[in-house]
Amino acid sequence: MSNGDQNPHHDEQPPQNQDKAEDGVIDETGQAENVSSEAEDVSDAVAQQEELLQAKDQVLRVQAEMQNLRRRVDRDIENAHKYALEGFLVELLPVVDNLERALAAIDSSDETQKTLSEGIELTLKSFLDVLTRNKVEQLDPVEQSFDPEFHQAMTMVPHPEVPNNTIIEVFQKGYLLNGRLVRPAMVVVSKGA
């Protein structure tokens, strides 16, 4: 057979070995694409996992902040209720001081002043009872050690019989509202001789 006698379609059919080689190349290319696709999927999954962790962390932080805010608001509300009377109390304390001064100024030996003294004493007692019911505590620190958190020293006086930094006289009593200082006691303090 000559070259002219050959089947014209013979050139169109690839040899079987060539098909197998092309299939191998296609398989390797397909596998490479699959590996590349899987790598992208893993990379996407890792990125999504990181985003999820960041979102969870952010949610936890927001929850913690909300919890702290709730505590602050609760504390502020509690303090508002506890110390709501503070301004009112500051206005009333001079009245208590004046009743105490009036009692100290009255001569109890005089019969007419004695009844006046009893009336002022009862008024003062009822006033102090109301303050006590509203969690107001009076500070009368005579013979106690001086504490600058609760006492205001007006003067220091040498006193040989009293230990140093001891309160020997109270000019004006101090007051606490629910344990918080509203007004310090104004005092005279002993100093070493």
Protein backbone atom coordinates (compact mmCIF):
# COMPACT_ATOMS: atom_id res chain seq x y z
CA MET A 1 0.00 0.00 0.00
CA SER A 2 1.11 3.27 -0.92
CA ASN A 3 0.65 6.50 0.88
CA GLY A 4 -2.11 7.46 -1.48
CA ASP A 5 -3.96 4.21 -0.80
CA GLN A 6 -4.17 4.87 2.84
CA ASN A 7 -7.46 5.78 4.43
CA PRO A 8 -7.91 9.53 4.47
CA HIS A 9 -9.48 9.30 7.94
CA HIS A 10 -6.49 7.47 9.27
CA ASP A 11 -4.74 10.72 10.16
CA GLU A 12 -7.75 11.92 12.09
CA GLN A 13 -7.71 9.09 14.58
CA PRO A 14 -5.07 9.50 17.18
CA PRO A 15 -3.22 6.48 18.23
CA GLN A 16 -4.45 4.86 21.42
CA ASN A 17 -1.25 5.63 23.26
CA GLN A 18 -1.69 9.31 22.52
CA ASP A 19 -5.26 9.19 23.95
CA LYS A 20 -3.95 7.66 27.14
CA ALA A 21 -1.27 10.32 27.41
CA GLU A 22 -3.80 13.09 26.87
CA ASP A 23 -6.11 11.51 29.47
CA GLY A 24 -3.20 11.48 31.91
CA VAL A 25 -2.53 15.15 31.27
CA ILE A 26 -6.23 15.94 31.67
CA ASP A 27 -6.36 13.86 34.85
CA GLU A 28 -3.31 15.61 36.27
CA THR A 29 -4.71 19.00 35.30
CA GLY A 30 -8.06 18.06 36.82
CA GLN A 31 -6.35 16.83 39.96
CA ALA A 32 -4.33 20.02 40.16
CA GLU A 33 -7.53 22.03 39.75
CA ASN A 34 -9.20 19.89 42.41
CA VAL A 35 -6.25 20.37 44.79
CA SER A 36 -6.27 24.09 44.06
CA SER A 37 -10.03 24.23 44.61
CA GLU A 38 -9.73 22.26 47.85
CA ALA A 39 -6.93 24.57 49.02
CA GLU A 40 -9.16 27.58 48.31
CA ASP A 41 -12.01 25.89 50.19
CA VAL A 42 -9.72 25.20 53.18
CA SER A 43 -8.42 28.76 53.03
CA ASP A 44 -12.00 30.08 52.93
CA ALA A 45 -12.96 27.80 55.82
CA VAL A 46 -10.00 29.03 57.88
CA ALA A 47 -10.89 32.65 57.11
CA GLN A 48 -14.52 32.01 58.05
CA GLN A 49 -13.38 30.27 61.25
CA GLU A 50 -11.26 33.31 62.14
CA GLU A 51 -14.18 35.64 61.41
CA LEU A 52 -16.41 33.45 63.57
CA LEU A 53 -13.91 33.53 66.44
CA GLN A 54 -13.61 37.31 66.12
CA ALA A 55 -17.39 37.65 66.09
CA LYS A 56 -17.70 35.41 69.16
CA ASP A 57 -15.01 37.45 70.92
CA GLN A 58 -16.81 40.65 70.00
CA VAL A 59 -20.12 39.26 71.30
CA LEU A 60 -18.45 38.26 74.58
CA ARG A 61 -16.94 41.73 74.94
CA VAL A 62 -20.28 43.40 74.26
CA GLN A 63 -21.99 41.09 76.77
CA ALA A 64 -19.32 41.89 79.38
CA GLU A 65 -19.69 45.62 78.71
CA MET A 66 -23.48 45.34 79.02
CA GLN A 67 -23.11 43.46 82.30
CA ASN A 68 -20.72 46.14 83.62
CA LEU A 69 -23.09 48.87 82.47
CA ARG A 70 -26.01 47.11 84.16
CA ARG A 71 -24.00 46.90 87.42
CA ARG A 72 -23.05 50.58 87.19
CA VAL A 73 -26.65 51.61 86.58
CA ASP A 74 -27.86 49.42 89.46
CA ARG A 75 -25.21 50.92 91.76
CA ASP A 76 -26.09 54.45 90.64
CA ILE A 77 -29.78 53.81 91.26
CA GLU A 78 -29.02 52.31 94.67
CA ASN A 79 -26.85 55.31 95.58
CA ALA A 80 -29.52 57.69 94.32
CA HIS A 81 -32.03 56.05 96.65
CA LYS A 82 -29.56 55.85 99.54
CA TYR A 83 -28.33 59.41 99.32
CA ALA A 84 -31.38 61.20 97.92
CA LEU A 85 -31.94 62.85 101.30
CA GLU A 86 -28.42 64.29 101.47
CA GLY A 87 -29.29 67.75 100.15
CA PHE A 88 -32.39 67.91 102.32
CA LEU A 89 -30.40 66.73 105.34
CA VAL A 90 -27.75 69.42 104.84
CA GLU A 91 -30.53 72.02 104.97
CA LEU A 92 -32.02 70.53 108.18
CA LEU A 93 -28.81 70.13 110.18
CA PRO A 94 -28.64 73.82 111.19
CA VAL A 95 -32.11 73.41 112.73
CA VAL A 96 -30.81 70.55 114.89
CA ASP A 97 -27.76 72.65 115.80
CA ASN A 98 -30.00 75.56 116.83
CA LEU A 99 -32.21 73.33 118.99
CA GLU A 100 -29.09 71.99 120.74
CA ARG A 101 -27.75 75.54 121.27
CA ALA A 102 -31.13 76.64 122.65
CA LEU A 103 -31.07 73.77 125.15
CA ALA A 104 -27.53 74.67 126.23
CA ALA A 105 -28.49 78.35 126.70
CA ILE A 106 -31.58 77.74 128.86
CA ASP A 107 -31.23 78.08 132.63
CA SER A 108 -32.96 74.93 133.87
CA SER A 109 -33.14 76.26 137.46
CA ASP A 110 -35.77 78.80 136.41
CA GLU A 111 -39.23 77.14 136.49
CA THR A 112 -40.60 78.94 133.42
CA GLN A 113 -37.51 78.11 131.38
CA LYS A 114 -37.66 74.51 132.61
CA THR A 115 -40.91 73.85 130.72
CA LEU A 116 -39.47 75.60 127.67
CA SER A 117 -36.39 73.38 127.98
CA GLU A 118 -38.56 70.25 128.14
CA GLY A 119 -40.45 71.32 125.02
CA ILE A 120 -37.25 71.98 123.07
CA GLU A 121 -35.79 68.70 124.33
CA LEU A 122 -38.85 66.74 123.11
CA THR A 123 -38.73 68.53 119.76
CA LEU A 124 -35.03 67.75 119.39
CA LYS A 125 -35.57 64.11 120.39
CA SER A 126 -38.36 63.64 117.83
CA PHE A 127 -36.21 65.33 115.20
CA LEU A 128 -33.26 63.01 115.96
CA ASP A 129 -35.58 59.97 115.91
CA VAL A 130 -36.70 60.90 112.39
CA LEU A 131 -33.08 61.26 111.33
CA THR A 132 -32.20 57.86 112.83
CA ARG A 133 -35.10 56.17 111.02
CA ASN A 134 -33.73 57.62 107.78
CA LYS A 135 -30.27 56.13 108.43
CA VAL A 136 -28.66 59.37 109.62
CA GLU A 137 -26.04 58.90 112.33
CA GLN A 138 -24.83 61.70 114.58
CA LEU A 139 -21.10 62.02 115.31
CA ASP A 140 -20.33 63.28 118.81
CA PRO A 141 -16.67 62.28 119.13
CA VAL A 142 -15.68 63.70 122.54
CA GLU A 143 -12.74 61.72 124.02
CA GLN A 144 -12.18 59.81 120.76
CA SER A 145 -9.02 59.89 118.65
CA PHE A 146 -9.01 62.52 115.94
CA ASP A 147 -9.84 61.06 112.50
CA PRO A 148 -9.48 63.55 109.61
CA GLU A 149 -12.01 61.57 107.55
CA PHE A 150 -14.79 62.35 110.05
CA HIS A 151 -13.52 65.33 112.05
CA GLN A 152 -12.44 68.85 111.21
CA ALA A 153 -9.95 70.28 113.71
CA MET A 154 -10.79 73.89 114.49
CA THR A 155 -7.91 74.30 116.91
CA MET A 156 -5.36 72.33 118.90
CA VAL A 157 -4.98 72.95 122.62
CA PRO A 158 -2.22 71.69 124.92
CA HIS A 159 -3.78 69.45 127.57
CA PRO A 160 -1.46 67.52 129.89
CA GLU A 161 -4.14 65.11 131.16
CA VAL A 162 -5.43 64.00 127.75
CA PRO A 163 -3.45 61.91 125.22
CA ASN A 164 -2.20 63.63 122.07
CA ASN A 165 -4.71 63.87 119.14
CA THR A 166 -7.73 63.25 121.35
CA ILE A 167 -10.89 65.29 120.85
CA ILE A 168 -11.58 67.37 123.95
CA GLU A 169 -14.51 69.48 122.73
CA VAL A 170 -17.06 69.44 119.90
CA PHE A 171 -18.13 72.78 118.39
CA GLN A 172 -20.54 71.22 115.94
CA LYS A 173 -21.58 67.58 115.63
CA GLY A 174 -20.97 65.69 112.43
CA TYR A 175 -23.42 63.48 110.53
CA LEU A 176 -23.31 60.35 108.37
CA LEU A 177 -26.00 59.27 105.91
CA ASN A 178 -25.91 55.51 105.24
CA GLY A 179 -22.29 55.49 106.40
CA ARG A 180 -21.22 58.34 104.11
CA LEU A 181 -20.04 61.60 105.65
CA VAL A 182 -22.47 64.48 105.14
CA ARG A 183 -20.81 66.93 107.51
CA PRO A 184 -17.62 66.47 109.57
CA ALA A 185 -17.66 67.18 113.29
CA MET A 186 -15.90 70.46 114.12
CA VAL A 187 -13.66 69.72 117.08
CA VAL A 188 -10.92 70.90 119.42
CA VAL A 189 -8.01 68.46 119.55
CA SER A 190 -5.41 68.02 122.28
CA LYS A 191 -1.76 68.34 121.43
CA GLY A 192 1.26 67.22 123.37
CA ALA A 193 2.32 69.52 126.19
